[in-house]
Structures are given as C-alpha cells and as structure tokens.
Amino acid sequence: MVLGITSIAFCWFPYLGLPMAIVGLILSILGQRKGEGPIAMAGLVCSIIGLAIGLIWIIAIIIIVANASYYYGW
C-alpha cells in the first residue's frame, strides 16, 4: 500500500512514479494471494491509480512536445 500511495504522490515524475506503481502492483497481487485482503486491495487500487495518472502524464507530455515541435518547426 505504501508504494501505491507514493506512486500517486510521485506520478508527476515518470522515473519515480511508474516503477513504484509497477512494483506496488506486483506486491499487492502477491499479498492478495497470501490472504492479506483489505490492505492488499488498497495497495492494488492505489498502484493502479498511480500507474494510470503516470501514463496519462507521459502521453500528455508527448502530445505537448509534438505540437510544440510542429508549431515552432523544430
């Protein structure tokens, strides 16, 4: 759950947030298999949210850079 929460906090920095979200996702799935229900589910949800926000952020940056390079003729 800690990695999921920190992935949400650091999702604006793709080099920090995305690896935390992926590791948190893996560990929460393993935690659910061990039987740690509510905490593992909270970690899973937080990791998915952090991963989604991080991916949306990366896509937005790519679109902004592509449009700027088209507009300014880079």
C-alpha atoms as a PDB file:
ATOM      1  CA  MET A   1       0.000   0.000   0.000  1.00  0.00           C
ATOM      2  CA  VAL A   2       2.895   2.355   0.718  1.00  0.00           C
ATOM      3  CA  LEU A   3       4.242   2.005  -2.825  1.00  0.00           C
ATOM      4  CA  GLY A   4       0.780   2.689  -4.240  1.00  0.00           C
ATOM      5  CA  ILE A   5       0.419   5.872  -2.225  1.00  0.00           C
ATOM      6  CA  THR A   6       3.909   7.079  -3.105  1.00  0.00           C
ATOM      7  CA  SER A   7       3.312   6.272  -6.774  1.00  0.00           C
ATOM      8  CA  ILE A   8       0.338   8.641  -6.685  1.00  0.00           C
ATOM      9  CA  ALA A   9       2.450  11.309  -4.999  1.00  0.00           C
ATOM     10  CA  PHE A  10       5.344  10.888  -7.456  1.00  0.00           C
ATOM     11  CA  CYS A  11       3.314  10.219 -10.607  1.00  0.00           C
ATOM     12  CA  TRP A  12       4.414  13.641 -11.928  1.00  0.00           C
ATOM     13  CA  PHE A  13       7.966  12.290 -12.120  1.00  0.00           C
ATOM     14  CA  PRO A  14       7.754   9.317 -14.513  1.00  0.00           C
ATOM     15  CA  TYR A  15      11.132   7.904 -13.487  1.00  0.00           C
ATOM     16  CA  LEU A  16       9.961   7.642  -9.879  1.00  0.00           C
ATOM     17  CA  GLY A  17       6.220   7.100 -10.027  1.00  0.00           C
ATOM     18  CA  LEU A  18       5.929   4.429 -12.696  1.00  0.00           C
ATOM     19  CA  PRO A  19       8.430   1.966 -11.205  1.00  0.00           C
ATOM     20  CA  MET A  20       6.820   2.426  -7.776  1.00  0.00           C
ATOM     21  CA  ALA A  21       3.396   1.752  -9.255  1.00  0.00           C
ATOM     22  CA  ILE A  22       4.577  -1.378 -11.063  1.00  0.00           C
ATOM     23  CA  VAL A  23       6.339  -2.785  -8.000  1.00  0.00           C
ATOM     24  CA  GLY A  24       3.349  -1.892  -5.828  1.00  0.00           C
ATOM     25  CA  LEU A  25       1.035  -3.627  -8.279  1.00  0.00           C
ATOM     26  CA  ILE A  26       3.121  -6.800  -8.227  1.00  0.00           C
ATOM     27  CA  LEU A  27       3.473  -6.832  -4.446  1.00  0.00           C
ATOM     28  CA  SER A  28      -0.228  -6.214  -3.865  1.00  0.00           C
ATOM     29  CA  ILE A  29      -1.142  -9.094  -6.180  1.00  0.00           C
ATOM     30  CA  LEU A  30       1.255 -11.320  -4.259  1.00  0.00           C
ATOM     31  CA  GLY A  31      -0.252 -10.051  -0.998  1.00  0.00           C
ATOM     32  CA  GLN A  32      -3.743 -10.965  -2.150  1.00  0.00           C
ATOM     33  CA  ARG A  33      -2.572 -14.486  -2.918  1.00  0.00           C
ATOM     34  CA  LYS A  34      -1.158 -14.754   0.615  1.00  0.00           C
ATOM     35  CA  GLY A  35      -4.506 -13.742   2.073  1.00  0.00           C
ATOM     36  CA  GLU A  36      -3.872 -10.164   3.199  1.00  0.00           C
ATOM     37  CA  GLY A  37      -7.188  -8.927   1.804  1.00  0.00           C
ATOM     38  CA  PRO A  38      -8.065  -5.297   2.573  1.00  0.00           C
ATOM     39  CA  ILE A  39      -4.549  -3.868   2.714  1.00  0.00           C
ATOM     40  CA  ALA A  40      -3.516  -5.670  -0.468  1.00  0.00           C
ATOM     41  CA  MET A  41      -6.671  -4.433  -2.212  1.00  0.00           C
ATOM     42  CA  ALA A  42      -5.952  -0.856  -1.124  1.00  0.00           C
ATOM     43  CA  GLY A  43      -2.405  -1.209  -2.433  1.00  0.00           C
ATOM     44  CA  LEU A  44      -3.711  -2.577  -5.714  1.00  0.00           C
ATOM     45  CA  VAL A  45      -6.149   0.305  -6.161  1.00  0.00           C
ATOM     46  CA  CYS A  46      -3.530   2.933  -5.262  1.00  0.00           C
ATOM     47  CA  SER A  47      -0.975   1.353  -7.605  1.00  0.00           C
ATOM     48  CA  ILE A  48      -3.459   1.259 -10.488  1.00  0.00           C
ATOM     49  CA  ILE A  49      -4.366   4.910  -9.910  1.00  0.00           C
ATOM     50  CA  GLY A  50      -0.700   5.930  -9.766  1.00  0.00           C
ATOM     51  CA  LEU A  51       0.074   3.935 -12.912  1.00  0.00           C
ATOM     52  CA  ALA A  52      -2.868   5.437 -14.798  1.00  0.00           C
ATOM     53  CA  ILE A  53      -2.015   9.014 -13.818  1.00  0.00           C
ATOM     54  CA  GLY A  54       1.653   8.450 -14.692  1.00  0.00           C
ATOM     55  CA  LEU A  55       0.808   7.047 -18.125  1.00  0.00           C
ATOM     56  CA  ILE A  56      -1.650   9.872 -18.829  1.00  0.00           C
ATOM     57  CA  TRP A  57       1.052  12.349 -17.808  1.00  0.00           C
ATOM     58  CA  ILE A  58       3.589  10.781 -20.198  1.00  0.00           C
ATOM     59  CA  ILE A  59       1.075  10.787 -23.064  1.00  0.00           C
ATOM     60  CA  ALA A  60       0.248  14.441 -22.362  1.00  0.00           C
ATOM     61  CA  ILE A  61       3.942  15.373 -22.423  1.00  0.00           C
ATOM     62  CA  ILE A  62       4.426  13.561 -25.741  1.00  0.00           C
ATOM     63  CA  ILE A  63       1.427  15.351 -27.259  1.00  0.00           C
ATOM     64  CA  ILE A  64       2.592  18.747 -25.985  1.00  0.00           C
ATOM     65  CA  VAL A  65       6.116  18.264 -27.332  1.00  0.00           C
ATOM     66  CA  ALA A  66       4.806  17.013 -30.679  1.00  0.00           C
ATOM     67  CA  ASN A  67       2.508  20.013 -31.034  1.00  0.00           C
ATOM     68  CA  ALA A  68       5.216  22.441 -29.979  1.00  0.00           C
ATOM     69  CA  SER A  69       7.656  20.991 -32.480  1.00  0.00           C
ATOM     70  CA  TYR A  70       5.032  21.273 -35.211  1.00  0.00           C
ATOM     71  CA  TYR A  71       4.108  24.825 -34.215  1.00  0.00           C
ATOM     72  CA  TYR A  72       7.666  26.107 -33.838  1.00  0.00           C
ATOM     73  CA  GLY A  73       9.107  23.998 -36.666  1.00  0.00           C
ATOM     74  CA  TRP A  74      11.730  22.166 -34.636  1.00  0.00           C
END
